[in-house]
Amino acid sequence: MRDEKSVREEICEIGRRMYARRMVAANDGNISVRLSENELICTPTGVSKGFMKPEQLCKLDLSGKVLKMAEGFGPSSEVKMHLRVYEKRPDIMAVVHAHPIFATSFAVMGRALDVPIMPEVIVNFGKVPLAPYGTPSTAEIPDAIEPYLKDYQAILLESHGALTWAKDLQAAYMKLESVEFYAELLYRTTQLGGPRALSEEKLERLYQVIGKQKS
């Protein structure tokens, strides 16, 4: 079990970074970290991620039951998609949801990030798929993301934003930054006449190299 105090402080720090980089506006977005096998800490509803305090965060079990919360600071209804990630991926320890401008623009347009334009993108994600639209605060969103949880590390939520997950919070947040960078590159290269995708030959060579590094 991780130290709860340090987890709460780390979540607040990541929230400040998200807010500073305009990945969230007002009270948007949510963050969670698995504290133990059956407990997690998550951000409260109605609080800006840039100004959270550790004592405002909520502790839940993996069924969604509130174990501890400050008065007036209940968990976001969007914690349902976090819980689905933890249910289907026991190896995952942190989940981040935000509305970064470029990535969310693609999500609003109903477009996945699937053009292989850089080796780093292939290494980090392969691609970032688009989960179909779900009504906020309902089980529709967890149901929509579930098919992508096994094989991907990040997804766009149609007309909503981006979701990333990893084995620690720093890594989950860095994936969010990478998704936004990827989306901005696709947007800007489109303005320049269209992105130039890596050829099949270059992709095959890259896959060979990646395979060797993993073996």
N, C-alpha and C. Protein backbone atom coordinates (compact mmCIF):
# COMPACT_ATOMS: atom_id res chain seq x y z
N MET A 1 0.84 -1.20 0.00
CA MET A 1 0.00 0.00 0.00
C MET A 1 0.87 1.24 0.00
N ARG A 2 0.56 2.20 -0.87
CA ARG A 2 1.34 3.43 -0.95
C ARG A 2 0.98 4.37 0.19
N ASP A 3 1.89 5.28 0.49
CA ASP A 3 1.64 6.28 1.52
C ASP A 3 0.57 7.24 1.03
N GLU A 4 -0.53 7.31 1.76
CA GLU A 4 -1.67 8.11 1.31
C GLU A 4 -1.35 9.60 1.21
N LYS A 5 -0.60 10.10 2.15
CA LYS A 5 -0.27 11.53 2.14
C LYS A 5 0.50 11.91 0.88
N SER A 6 1.48 11.12 0.52
CA SER A 6 2.29 11.43 -0.67
C SER A 6 1.46 11.29 -1.94
N VAL A 7 0.54 10.32 -1.98
CA VAL A 7 -0.33 10.16 -3.15
C VAL A 7 -1.21 11.39 -3.32
N ARG A 8 -1.78 11.86 -2.23
CA ARG A 8 -2.63 13.06 -2.30
C ARG A 8 -1.83 14.27 -2.79
N GLU A 9 -0.63 14.42 -2.30
CA GLU A 9 0.20 15.55 -2.72
C GLU A 9 0.58 15.45 -4.19
N GLU A 10 0.88 14.23 -4.64
CA GLU A 10 1.25 14.05 -6.04
C GLU A 10 0.08 14.35 -6.97
N ILE A 11 -1.11 13.93 -6.60
CA ILE A 11 -2.29 14.22 -7.42
C ILE A 11 -2.49 15.73 -7.55
N CYS A 12 -2.32 16.45 -6.45
CA CYS A 12 -2.48 17.91 -6.50
C CYS A 12 -1.42 18.55 -7.39
N GLU A 13 -0.20 18.04 -7.35
CA GLU A 13 0.86 18.57 -8.21
C GLU A 13 0.55 18.32 -9.68
N ILE A 14 0.10 17.13 -10.01
CA ILE A 14 -0.25 16.83 -11.40
C ILE A 14 -1.44 17.70 -11.84
N GLY A 15 -2.37 17.93 -10.95
CA GLY A 15 -3.49 18.81 -11.26
C GLY A 15 -3.03 20.21 -11.60
N ARG A 16 -2.06 20.71 -10.86
CA ARG A 16 -1.51 22.05 -11.14
C ARG A 16 -0.84 22.08 -12.51
N ARG A 17 -0.12 21.01 -12.85
CA ARG A 17 0.52 20.96 -14.17
C ARG A 17 -0.52 20.96 -15.28
N MET A 18 -1.56 20.16 -15.13
CA MET A 18 -2.61 20.10 -16.14
C MET A 18 -3.26 21.46 -16.34
N TYR A 19 -3.52 22.15 -15.25
CA TYR A 19 -4.15 23.46 -15.32
C TYR A 19 -3.22 24.49 -15.96
N ALA A 20 -1.95 24.44 -15.60
CA ALA A 20 -0.97 25.39 -16.14
C ALA A 20 -0.78 25.21 -17.64
N ARG A 21 -0.90 23.98 -18.12
CA ARG A 21 -0.73 23.68 -19.55
C ARG A 21 -2.04 23.76 -20.32
N ARG A 22 -3.08 24.27 -19.70
CA ARG A 22 -4.39 24.45 -20.32
C ARG A 22 -4.97 23.13 -20.83
N MET A 23 -4.70 22.07 -20.11
CA MET A 23 -5.30 20.78 -20.45
C MET A 23 -6.69 20.64 -19.83
N VAL A 24 -7.00 21.53 -18.91
CA VAL A 24 -8.32 21.58 -18.30
C VAL A 24 -8.69 23.05 -18.10
N ALA A 25 -9.99 23.32 -18.11
CA ALA A 25 -10.50 24.67 -17.83
C ALA A 25 -11.46 24.59 -16.66
N ALA A 26 -11.48 25.65 -15.88
CA ALA A 26 -12.39 25.69 -14.73
C ALA A 26 -12.23 24.43 -13.88
N ASN A 27 -13.32 23.66 -13.71
CA ASN A 27 -13.27 22.48 -12.84
C ASN A 27 -13.18 21.16 -13.61
N ASP A 28 -12.81 21.25 -14.89
CA ASP A 28 -12.78 20.06 -15.74
C ASP A 28 -11.73 19.05 -15.31
N GLY A 29 -11.87 17.82 -15.83
CA GLY A 29 -10.86 16.78 -15.67
C GLY A 29 -10.94 16.05 -14.35
N ASN A 30 -10.26 14.91 -14.29
CA ASN A 30 -10.17 14.17 -13.04
C ASN A 30 -8.96 13.25 -13.06
N ILE A 31 -8.48 12.93 -11.88
CA ILE A 31 -7.27 12.14 -11.68
C ILE A 31 -7.55 11.11 -10.60
N SER A 32 -6.99 9.92 -10.76
CA SER A 32 -7.08 8.93 -9.68
C SER A 32 -5.79 8.12 -9.60
N VAL A 33 -5.53 7.61 -8.42
CA VAL A 33 -4.37 6.75 -8.18
C VAL A 33 -4.81 5.60 -7.30
N ARG A 34 -4.43 4.38 -7.69
CA ARG A 34 -4.74 3.21 -6.87
C ARG A 34 -3.83 3.23 -5.64
N LEU A 35 -4.45 3.24 -4.48
CA LEU A 35 -3.71 3.32 -3.23
C LEU A 35 -3.32 1.93 -2.73
N SER A 36 -4.19 0.97 -2.95
CA SER A 36 -3.94 -0.42 -2.54
C SER A 36 -4.75 -1.31 -3.48
N GLU A 37 -4.81 -2.58 -3.18
CA GLU A 37 -5.52 -3.51 -4.06
C GLU A 37 -6.98 -3.11 -4.25
N ASN A 38 -7.60 -2.55 -3.23
CA ASN A 38 -9.03 -2.25 -3.33
C ASN A 38 -9.37 -0.81 -2.95
N GLU A 39 -8.40 0.10 -2.98
CA GLU A 39 -8.66 1.49 -2.62
C GLU A 39 -8.00 2.42 -3.62
N LEU A 40 -8.63 3.57 -3.82
CA LEU A 40 -8.02 4.59 -4.67
C LEU A 40 -8.31 5.97 -4.10
N ILE A 41 -7.47 6.91 -4.53
CA ILE A 41 -7.67 8.32 -4.21
C ILE A 41 -8.03 9.02 -5.50
N CYS A 42 -9.08 9.87 -5.49
CA CYS A 42 -9.48 10.57 -6.70
C CYS A 42 -9.81 12.02 -6.41
N THR A 43 -9.83 12.80 -7.47
CA THR A 43 -10.13 14.22 -7.34
C THR A 43 -11.62 14.43 -7.08
N PRO A 44 -11.98 15.49 -6.37
CA PRO A 44 -13.39 15.77 -6.08
C PRO A 44 -14.05 16.53 -7.22
N THR A 45 -15.35 16.50 -7.25
CA THR A 45 -16.09 17.27 -8.24
C THR A 45 -16.15 18.73 -7.85
N GLY A 46 -16.24 19.61 -8.84
CA GLY A 46 -16.46 21.03 -8.57
C GLY A 46 -15.26 21.79 -8.06
N VAL A 47 -14.05 21.24 -8.25
CA VAL A 47 -12.84 21.91 -7.78
C VAL A 47 -11.85 21.99 -8.94
N SER A 48 -11.28 23.18 -9.16
CA SER A 48 -10.29 23.33 -10.22
C SER A 48 -9.08 22.47 -9.93
N LYS A 49 -8.59 21.78 -10.95
CA LYS A 49 -7.41 20.94 -10.76
C LYS A 49 -6.16 21.77 -10.45
N GLY A 50 -6.21 23.06 -10.74
CA GLY A 50 -5.06 23.91 -10.45
C GLY A 50 -4.99 24.38 -9.02
N PHE A 51 -6.05 24.17 -8.25
CA PHE A 51 -6.09 24.73 -6.89
C PHE A 51 -6.57 23.73 -5.85
N MET A 52 -6.42 22.45 -6.13
CA MET A 52 -6.84 21.43 -5.17
C MET A 52 -5.93 21.38 -3.95
N LYS A 53 -6.49 20.95 -2.85
CA LYS A 53 -5.74 20.71 -1.63
C LYS A 53 -5.82 19.22 -1.29
N PRO A 54 -4.75 18.65 -0.75
CA PRO A 54 -4.74 17.21 -0.48
C PRO A 54 -5.93 16.72 0.33
N GLU A 55 -6.39 17.51 1.28
CA GLU A 55 -7.49 17.07 2.14
C GLU A 55 -8.84 17.07 1.41
N GLN A 56 -8.90 17.69 0.23
CA GLN A 56 -10.15 17.72 -0.53
C GLN A 56 -10.36 16.44 -1.37
N LEU A 57 -9.31 15.65 -1.53
CA LEU A 57 -9.41 14.45 -2.36
C LEU A 57 -10.22 13.36 -1.65
N CYS A 58 -10.79 12.47 -2.45
CA CYS A 58 -11.67 11.43 -1.92
C CYS A 58 -10.99 10.06 -1.95
N LYS A 59 -11.34 9.24 -0.98
CA LYS A 59 -10.89 7.84 -0.99
C LYS A 59 -12.10 6.95 -1.25
N LEU A 60 -11.96 6.07 -2.25
CA LEU A 60 -13.02 5.14 -2.61
C LEU A 60 -12.50 3.72 -2.61
N ASP A 61 -13.42 2.75 -2.56
CA ASP A 61 -13.01 1.40 -2.87
C ASP A 61 -13.28 1.16 -4.36
N LEU A 62 -12.88 0.02 -4.89
CA LEU A 62 -12.98 -0.20 -6.32
C LEU A 62 -14.39 -0.51 -6.80
N SER A 63 -15.35 -0.53 -5.88
CA SER A 63 -16.75 -0.62 -6.28
C SER A 63 -17.36 0.77 -6.42
N GLY A 64 -16.60 1.80 -6.01
CA GLY A 64 -17.09 3.17 -6.06
C GLY A 64 -17.63 3.69 -4.74
N LYS A 65 -17.61 2.86 -3.71
CA LYS A 65 -18.09 3.30 -2.40
C LYS A 65 -17.12 4.30 -1.79
N VAL A 66 -17.66 5.41 -1.28
CA VAL A 66 -16.83 6.43 -0.65
C VAL A 66 -16.39 5.95 0.73
N LEU A 67 -15.08 5.94 0.94
CA LEU A 67 -14.53 5.55 2.23
C LEU A 67 -14.17 6.75 3.08
N LYS A 68 -13.81 7.85 2.39
CA LYS A 68 -13.41 9.05 3.12
C LYS A 68 -13.50 10.24 2.18
N MET A 69 -14.14 11.32 2.66
CA MET A 69 -14.21 12.55 1.87
C MET A 69 -14.44 13.73 2.79
N ALA A 70 -13.94 14.88 2.38
CA ALA A 70 -14.19 16.10 3.13
C ALA A 70 -15.62 16.57 2.84
N GLU A 71 -16.24 17.19 3.81
CA GLU A 71 -17.61 17.65 3.64
C GLU A 71 -17.72 18.59 2.44
N GLY A 72 -18.64 18.28 1.53
CA GLY A 72 -18.85 19.12 0.36
C GLY A 72 -17.95 18.80 -0.81
N PHE A 73 -17.10 17.77 -0.68
CA PHE A 73 -16.16 17.43 -1.75
C PHE A 73 -16.29 15.97 -2.15
N GLY A 74 -17.41 15.64 -2.76
CA GLY A 74 -17.64 14.27 -3.20
C GLY A 74 -16.90 13.97 -4.49
N PRO A 75 -16.78 12.69 -4.83
CA PRO A 75 -16.06 12.30 -6.05
C PRO A 75 -16.82 12.69 -7.31
N SER A 76 -16.09 12.90 -8.38
CA SER A 76 -16.71 13.17 -9.68
C SER A 76 -17.49 11.97 -10.16
N SER A 77 -18.60 12.23 -10.83
CA SER A 77 -19.39 11.12 -11.40
C SER A 77 -18.59 10.40 -12.48
N GLU A 78 -17.56 11.06 -13.03
CA GLU A 78 -16.75 10.45 -14.08
C GLU A 78 -15.74 9.44 -13.54
N VAL A 79 -15.72 9.27 -12.23
CA VAL A 79 -14.82 8.26 -11.66
C VAL A 79 -15.20 6.87 -12.15
N LYS A 80 -16.40 6.72 -12.69
CA LYS A 80 -16.84 5.41 -13.20
C LYS A 80 -15.89 4.87 -14.26
N MET A 81 -15.37 5.77 -15.12
CA MET A 81 -14.46 5.25 -16.16
C MET A 81 -13.11 4.88 -15.56
N HIS A 82 -12.69 5.57 -14.51
CA HIS A 82 -11.46 5.20 -13.81
C HIS A 82 -11.62 3.80 -13.21
N LEU A 83 -12.77 3.58 -12.57
CA LEU A 83 -13.01 2.29 -11.93
C LEU A 83 -13.00 1.15 -12.96
N ARG A 84 -13.50 1.43 -14.16
CA ARG A 84 -13.51 0.40 -15.19
C ARG A 84 -12.09 0.06 -15.62
N VAL A 85 -11.24 1.08 -15.71
CA VAL A 85 -9.84 0.82 -16.06
C VAL A 85 -9.20 -0.10 -15.02
N TYR A 86 -9.38 0.24 -13.74
CA TYR A 86 -8.77 -0.57 -12.68
C TYR A 86 -9.34 -1.99 -12.64
N GLU A 87 -10.62 -2.10 -12.94
CA GLU A 87 -11.25 -3.43 -12.94
C GLU A 87 -10.65 -4.32 -14.02
N LYS A 88 -10.49 -3.77 -15.21
CA LYS A 88 -10.03 -4.56 -16.35
C LYS A 88 -8.51 -4.64 -16.45
N ARG A 89 -7.82 -3.73 -15.79
CA ARG A 89 -6.35 -3.71 -15.86
C ARG A 89 -5.77 -3.64 -14.43
N PRO A 90 -5.66 -4.77 -13.76
CA PRO A 90 -5.14 -4.77 -12.38
C PRO A 90 -3.72 -4.24 -12.27
N ASP A 91 -2.99 -4.20 -13.38
CA ASP A 91 -1.63 -3.69 -13.37
C ASP A 91 -1.55 -2.17 -13.38
N ILE A 92 -2.66 -1.51 -13.67
CA ILE A 92 -2.67 -0.05 -13.79
C ILE A 92 -2.85 0.59 -12.42
N MET A 93 -2.07 1.66 -12.19
CA MET A 93 -2.08 2.32 -10.89
C MET A 93 -2.55 3.77 -10.93
N ALA A 94 -2.74 4.32 -12.12
CA ALA A 94 -3.16 5.72 -12.21
C ALA A 94 -3.91 5.97 -13.50
N VAL A 95 -4.90 6.86 -13.44
CA VAL A 95 -5.71 7.23 -14.60
C VAL A 95 -5.87 8.75 -14.60
N VAL A 96 -5.76 9.34 -15.79
CA VAL A 96 -5.90 10.79 -15.93
C VAL A 96 -6.87 11.09 -17.06
N HIS A 97 -7.81 11.99 -16.80
CA HIS A 97 -8.75 12.45 -17.83
C HIS A 97 -8.69 13.96 -17.90
N ALA A 98 -8.60 14.50 -19.13
CA ALA A 98 -8.51 15.94 -19.31
C ALA A 98 -9.09 16.32 -20.66
N HIS A 99 -9.10 17.63 -20.92
CA HIS A 99 -9.62 18.19 -22.16
C HIS A 99 -8.56 19.03 -22.85
N PRO A 100 -7.39 18.47 -23.17
CA PRO A 100 -6.36 19.26 -23.86
C PRO A 100 -6.90 19.73 -25.22
N ILE A 101 -6.55 20.95 -25.59
CA ILE A 101 -7.22 21.63 -26.70
C ILE A 101 -7.12 20.86 -28.02
N PHE A 102 -5.92 20.47 -28.43
CA PHE A 102 -5.77 19.84 -29.74
C PHE A 102 -6.36 18.43 -29.74
N ALA A 103 -6.05 17.64 -28.73
CA ALA A 103 -6.59 16.28 -28.66
C ALA A 103 -8.11 16.30 -28.59
N THR A 104 -8.66 17.23 -27.82
CA THR A 104 -10.11 17.31 -27.69
C THR A 104 -10.74 17.80 -28.98
N SER A 105 -10.02 18.63 -29.74
CA SER A 105 -10.54 19.05 -31.04
C SER A 105 -10.73 17.85 -31.96
N PHE A 106 -9.77 16.92 -31.95
CA PHE A 106 -9.92 15.70 -32.75
C PHE A 106 -11.09 14.87 -32.22
N ALA A 107 -11.23 14.80 -30.90
CA ALA A 107 -12.32 14.03 -30.31
C ALA A 107 -13.67 14.62 -30.70
N VAL A 108 -13.78 15.94 -30.71
CA VAL A 108 -15.02 16.61 -31.09
C VAL A 108 -15.33 16.38 -32.57
N MET A 109 -14.28 16.30 -33.38
CA MET A 109 -14.47 16.02 -34.81
C MET A 109 -14.74 14.54 -35.08
N GLY A 110 -14.62 13.70 -34.05
CA GLY A 110 -14.84 12.28 -34.23
C GLY A 110 -13.71 11.59 -34.98
N ARG A 111 -12.46 12.05 -34.73
CA ARG A 111 -11.31 11.51 -35.44
C ARG A 111 -10.29 10.94 -34.47
N ALA A 112 -9.84 9.74 -34.73
CA ALA A 112 -8.77 9.13 -33.94
C ALA A 112 -7.43 9.75 -34.33
N LEU A 113 -6.43 9.55 -33.48
CA LEU A 113 -5.05 9.96 -33.81
C LEU A 113 -4.35 8.70 -34.32
N ASP A 114 -4.39 8.49 -35.62
CA ASP A 114 -3.93 7.21 -36.16
C ASP A 114 -3.04 7.34 -37.39
N VAL A 115 -2.44 8.51 -37.58
CA VAL A 115 -1.51 8.70 -38.70
C VAL A 115 -0.09 8.51 -38.19
N PRO A 116 0.67 7.54 -38.69
CA PRO A 116 2.03 7.28 -38.18
C PRO A 116 3.04 8.30 -38.70
N ILE A 117 3.18 9.40 -37.97
CA ILE A 117 4.01 10.50 -38.46
C ILE A 117 5.39 10.58 -37.81
N MET A 118 5.58 9.95 -36.66
CA MET A 118 6.86 10.03 -35.96
C MET A 118 7.18 8.70 -35.29
N PRO A 119 8.45 8.30 -35.26
CA PRO A 119 8.81 7.08 -34.53
C PRO A 119 8.37 7.11 -33.07
N GLU A 120 8.50 8.28 -32.43
CA GLU A 120 8.15 8.38 -31.01
C GLU A 120 6.68 8.05 -30.78
N VAL A 121 5.83 8.47 -31.72
CA VAL A 121 4.40 8.18 -31.61
C VAL A 121 4.16 6.67 -31.69
N ILE A 122 4.83 6.02 -32.63
CA ILE A 122 4.67 4.57 -32.78
C ILE A 122 5.14 3.84 -31.53
N VAL A 123 6.28 4.25 -30.99
CA VAL A 123 6.84 3.62 -29.81
C VAL A 123 5.93 3.83 -28.60
N ASN A 124 5.42 5.06 -28.45
CA ASN A 124 4.62 5.38 -27.26
C ASN A 124 3.21 4.82 -27.31
N PHE A 125 2.57 4.88 -28.50
CA PHE A 125 1.15 4.56 -28.57
C PHE A 125 0.77 3.57 -29.66
N GLY A 126 1.50 3.56 -30.76
CA GLY A 126 0.99 2.89 -31.94
C GLY A 126 -0.03 3.81 -32.60
N LYS A 127 -1.16 3.97 -31.95
CA LYS A 127 -2.13 4.99 -32.32
C LYS A 127 -3.01 5.27 -31.11
N VAL A 128 -3.77 6.35 -31.20
CA VAL A 128 -4.71 6.69 -30.12
C VAL A 128 -6.11 6.58 -30.70
N PRO A 129 -6.84 5.52 -30.37
CA PRO A 129 -8.16 5.30 -30.96
C PRO A 129 -9.21 6.25 -30.39
N LEU A 130 -10.36 6.27 -31.05
CA LEU A 130 -11.49 7.08 -30.61
C LEU A 130 -12.58 6.17 -30.07
N ALA A 131 -12.90 6.33 -28.79
CA ALA A 131 -14.01 5.57 -28.20
C ALA A 131 -15.32 6.27 -28.55
N PRO A 132 -16.37 5.52 -28.90
CA PRO A 132 -17.63 6.15 -29.29
C PRO A 132 -18.25 6.95 -28.16
N TYR A 133 -19.10 7.87 -28.53
CA TYR A 133 -19.72 8.80 -27.58
C TYR A 133 -20.52 8.06 -26.51
N GLY A 134 -20.40 8.56 -25.29
CA GLY A 134 -21.20 8.07 -24.19
C GLY A 134 -21.72 9.25 -23.38
N THR A 135 -22.90 9.13 -22.82
CA THR A 135 -23.47 10.20 -22.01
C THR A 135 -22.67 10.36 -20.72
N PRO A 136 -22.19 11.57 -20.43
CA PRO A 136 -21.42 11.78 -19.20
C PRO A 136 -22.19 11.33 -17.96
N SER A 137 -21.44 10.83 -16.99
CA SER A 137 -21.96 10.41 -15.69
C SER A 137 -22.73 9.09 -15.73
N THR A 138 -22.78 8.44 -16.90
CA THR A 138 -23.47 7.16 -16.98
C THR A 138 -22.46 6.05 -17.27
N ALA A 139 -22.97 4.81 -17.28
CA ALA A 139 -22.11 3.66 -17.60
C ALA A 139 -21.76 3.59 -19.07
N GLU A 140 -22.35 4.48 -19.89
CA GLU A 140 -22.07 4.44 -21.32
C GLU A 140 -20.59 4.70 -21.62
N ILE A 141 -19.97 5.61 -20.88
CA ILE A 141 -18.56 5.90 -21.13
C ILE A 141 -17.67 4.74 -20.71
N PRO A 142 -17.80 4.20 -19.50
CA PRO A 142 -17.00 3.00 -19.17
C PRO A 142 -17.20 1.87 -20.17
N ASP A 143 -18.42 1.67 -20.62
CA ASP A 143 -18.68 0.62 -21.61
C ASP A 143 -17.99 0.93 -22.93
N ALA A 144 -17.95 2.22 -23.29
CA ALA A 144 -17.34 2.61 -24.56
C ALA A 144 -15.83 2.44 -24.56
N ILE A 145 -15.18 2.65 -23.41
CA ILE A 145 -13.72 2.57 -23.36
C ILE A 145 -13.21 1.14 -23.15
N GLU A 146 -14.05 0.28 -22.61
CA GLU A 146 -13.58 -1.06 -22.22
C GLU A 146 -12.89 -1.84 -23.34
N PRO A 147 -13.40 -1.81 -24.59
CA PRO A 147 -12.74 -2.59 -25.64
C PRO A 147 -11.31 -2.15 -25.94
N TYR A 148 -10.92 -0.96 -25.50
CA TYR A 148 -9.60 -0.42 -25.84
C TYR A 148 -8.58 -0.58 -24.71
N LEU A 149 -9.02 -1.02 -23.56
CA LEU A 149 -8.14 -0.99 -22.38
C LEU A 149 -6.99 -1.98 -22.44
N LYS A 150 -7.20 -3.11 -23.07
CA LYS A 150 -6.16 -4.14 -23.10
C LYS A 150 -4.99 -3.76 -24.00
N ASP A 151 -5.28 -3.19 -25.17
CA ASP A 151 -4.26 -3.03 -26.20
C ASP A 151 -3.73 -1.61 -26.36
N TYR A 152 -4.30 -0.65 -25.63
CA TYR A 152 -3.86 0.74 -25.79
C TYR A 152 -3.50 1.36 -24.45
N GLN A 153 -2.86 2.51 -24.51
CA GLN A 153 -2.45 3.23 -23.31
C GLN A 153 -3.10 4.59 -23.20
N ALA A 154 -3.85 4.97 -24.23
CA ALA A 154 -4.53 6.26 -24.27
C ALA A 154 -5.65 6.18 -25.28
N ILE A 155 -6.72 6.91 -25.05
CA ILE A 155 -7.81 6.98 -26.01
C ILE A 155 -8.40 8.38 -26.02
N LEU A 156 -9.04 8.72 -27.12
CA LEU A 156 -9.88 9.91 -27.19
C LEU A 156 -11.31 9.48 -26.92
N LEU A 157 -12.04 10.33 -26.22
CA LEU A 157 -13.45 10.09 -25.94
C LEU A 157 -14.25 11.00 -26.86
N GLU A 158 -15.04 10.43 -27.74
CA GLU A 158 -15.75 11.22 -28.74
C GLU A 158 -16.52 12.38 -28.11
N SER A 159 -16.27 13.58 -28.63
CA SER A 159 -16.94 14.81 -28.17
C SER A 159 -16.69 15.10 -26.69
N HIS A 160 -15.56 14.63 -26.17
CA HIS A 160 -15.36 14.75 -24.73
C HIS A 160 -13.93 15.14 -24.34
N GLY A 161 -12.95 14.33 -24.66
CA GLY A 161 -11.58 14.64 -24.24
C GLY A 161 -10.66 13.45 -24.40
N ALA A 162 -9.69 13.34 -23.52
CA ALA A 162 -8.69 12.27 -23.60
C ALA A 162 -8.58 11.55 -22.27
N LEU A 163 -8.19 10.27 -22.34
CA LEU A 163 -8.02 9.45 -21.14
C LEU A 163 -6.72 8.66 -21.30
N THR A 164 -5.89 8.69 -20.26
CA THR A 164 -4.64 7.92 -20.28
C THR A 164 -4.51 7.14 -18.97
N TRP A 165 -3.73 6.06 -19.03
CA TRP A 165 -3.53 5.24 -17.83
C TRP A 165 -2.13 4.65 -17.87
N ALA A 166 -1.59 4.34 -16.69
CA ALA A 166 -0.22 3.81 -16.61
C ALA A 166 0.00 3.19 -15.24
N LYS A 167 1.24 2.73 -15.03
CA LYS A 167 1.57 2.05 -13.77
C LYS A 167 1.98 3.02 -12.68
N ASP A 168 2.05 4.32 -12.99
CA ASP A 168 2.21 5.34 -11.97
C ASP A 168 1.66 6.64 -12.51
N LEU A 169 1.42 7.61 -11.64
CA LEU A 169 0.75 8.84 -12.05
C LEU A 169 1.60 9.69 -12.97
N GLN A 170 2.91 9.77 -12.70
CA GLN A 170 3.77 10.55 -13.58
C GLN A 170 3.70 10.03 -15.01
N ALA A 171 3.74 8.71 -15.17
CA ALA A 171 3.68 8.12 -16.51
C ALA A 171 2.34 8.38 -17.17
N ALA A 172 1.25 8.29 -16.42
CA ALA A 172 -0.07 8.55 -16.99
C ALA A 172 -0.17 9.99 -17.46
N TYR A 173 0.37 10.91 -16.66
CA TYR A 173 0.34 12.32 -17.06
C TYR A 173 1.22 12.57 -18.28
N MET A 174 2.40 11.96 -18.33
CA MET A 174 3.29 12.13 -19.48
C MET A 174 2.65 11.61 -20.76
N LYS A 175 1.88 10.55 -20.65
CA LYS A 175 1.15 10.04 -21.81
C LYS A 175 0.14 11.08 -22.30
N LEU A 176 -0.49 11.78 -21.36
CA LEU A 176 -1.42 12.83 -21.73
C LEU A 176 -0.70 13.94 -22.49
N GLU A 177 0.47 14.36 -22.00
CA GLU A 177 1.25 15.36 -22.71
C GLU A 177 1.61 14.87 -24.11
N SER A 178 1.99 13.61 -24.23
CA SER A 178 2.38 13.07 -25.53
C SER A 178 1.19 13.02 -26.49
N VAL A 179 0.02 12.66 -25.98
CA VAL A 179 -1.19 12.65 -26.82
C VAL A 179 -1.47 14.05 -27.36
N GLU A 180 -1.37 15.04 -26.49
CA GLU A 180 -1.62 16.42 -26.92
C GLU A 180 -0.59 16.88 -27.94
N PHE A 181 0.68 16.52 -27.74
CA PHE A 181 1.73 16.89 -28.69
C PHE A 181 1.46 16.25 -30.05
N TYR A 182 1.09 14.98 -30.05
CA TYR A 182 0.75 14.25 -31.26
C TYR A 182 -0.40 14.95 -31.99
N ALA A 183 -1.44 15.30 -31.23
CA ALA A 183 -2.61 15.94 -31.84
C ALA A 183 -2.25 17.30 -32.44
N GLU A 184 -1.42 18.05 -31.74
CA GLU A 184 -1.03 19.36 -32.27
C GLU A 184 -0.20 19.21 -33.54
N LEU A 185 0.70 18.21 -33.57
CA LEU A 185 1.48 17.97 -34.78
C LEU A 185 0.58 17.63 -35.97
N LEU A 186 -0.41 16.77 -35.74
CA LEU A 186 -1.32 16.42 -36.82
C LEU A 186 -2.10 17.64 -37.30
N TYR A 187 -2.53 18.45 -36.36
CA TYR A 187 -3.27 19.66 -36.73
C TYR A 187 -2.40 20.61 -37.55
N ARG A 188 -1.19 20.88 -37.05
CA ARG A 188 -0.34 21.87 -37.72
C ARG A 188 0.17 21.37 -39.08
N THR A 189 0.48 20.10 -39.18
CA THR A 189 0.93 19.58 -40.48
C THR A 189 -0.22 19.55 -41.48
N THR A 190 -1.44 19.40 -40.99
CA THR A 190 -2.59 19.50 -41.88
C THR A 190 -2.69 20.90 -42.48
N GLN A 191 -2.40 21.91 -41.66
CA GLN A 191 -2.42 23.29 -42.15
C GLN A 191 -1.33 23.54 -43.19
N LEU A 192 -0.28 22.75 -43.13
CA LEU A 192 0.84 22.90 -44.07
C LEU A 192 0.67 22.06 -45.34
N GLY A 193 -0.46 21.42 -45.45
CA GLY A 193 -0.71 20.64 -46.65
C GLY A 193 -0.97 19.17 -46.41
N GLY A 194 -0.88 18.76 -45.16
CA GLY A 194 -1.16 17.36 -44.84
C GLY A 194 0.06 16.65 -44.31
N PRO A 195 -0.08 15.84 -43.24
CA PRO A 195 1.06 15.12 -42.67
C PRO A 195 1.59 14.06 -43.62
N ARG A 196 2.88 13.83 -43.59
CA ARG A 196 3.50 12.78 -44.40
C ARG A 196 3.74 11.57 -43.51
N ALA A 197 2.95 10.54 -43.71
CA ALA A 197 3.04 9.35 -42.87
C ALA A 197 4.30 8.56 -43.20
N LEU A 198 4.82 7.85 -42.21
CA LEU A 198 5.95 6.95 -42.43
C LEU A 198 5.52 5.84 -43.40
N SER A 199 6.43 5.46 -44.28
CA SER A 199 6.13 4.41 -45.25
C SER A 199 6.03 3.05 -44.56
N GLU A 200 5.43 2.10 -45.25
CA GLU A 200 5.32 0.74 -44.73
C GLU A 200 6.71 0.16 -44.43
N GLU A 201 7.66 0.47 -45.29
CA GLU A 201 9.03 -0.03 -45.09
C GLU A 201 9.63 0.53 -43.80
N LYS A 202 9.44 1.82 -43.58
CA LYS A 202 9.98 2.45 -42.38
C LYS A 202 9.27 1.93 -41.13
N LEU A 203 7.97 1.72 -41.24
CA LEU A 203 7.22 1.18 -40.11
C LEU A 203 7.67 -0.23 -39.77
N GLU A 204 7.87 -1.05 -40.78
CA GLU A 204 8.30 -2.42 -40.55
C GLU A 204 9.66 -2.46 -39.86
N ARG A 205 10.56 -1.60 -40.31
CA ARG A 205 11.89 -1.52 -39.69
C ARG A 205 11.78 -1.07 -38.23
N LEU A 206 10.91 -0.11 -37.98
CA LEU A 206 10.71 0.38 -36.62
C LEU A 206 10.13 -0.71 -35.73
N TYR A 207 9.16 -1.47 -36.24
CA TYR A 207 8.57 -2.55 -35.46
C TYR A 207 9.63 -3.61 -35.10
N GLN A 208 10.54 -3.85 -36.04
CA GLN A 208 11.62 -4.81 -35.78
C GLN A 208 12.52 -4.33 -34.65
N VAL A 209 12.84 -3.06 -34.66
CA VAL A 209 13.71 -2.48 -33.63
C VAL A 209 13.02 -2.50 -32.27
N ILE A 210 11.74 -2.13 -32.27
CA ILE A 210 10.96 -2.13 -31.02
C ILE A 210 10.90 -3.53 -30.45
N GLY A 211 10.69 -4.52 -31.34
CA GLY A 211 10.62 -5.90 -30.90
C GLY A 211 11.91 -6.36 -30.25
N LYS A 212 13.04 -5.96 -30.79
CA LYS A 212 14.34 -6.33 -30.23
C LYS A 212 14.54 -5.70 -28.85
N GLN A 213 14.07 -4.45 -28.69
CA GLN A 213 14.23 -3.76 -27.41
C GLN A 213 13.40 -4.41 -26.33
N LYS A 214 12.24 -4.96 -26.71
CA LYS A 214 11.35 -5.58 -25.72
C LYS A 214 11.80 -6.99 -25.36
N SER A 215 12.55 -7.64 -26.25
CA SER A 215 12.94 -9.04 -26.02
C SER A 215 14.11 -9.14 -25.05
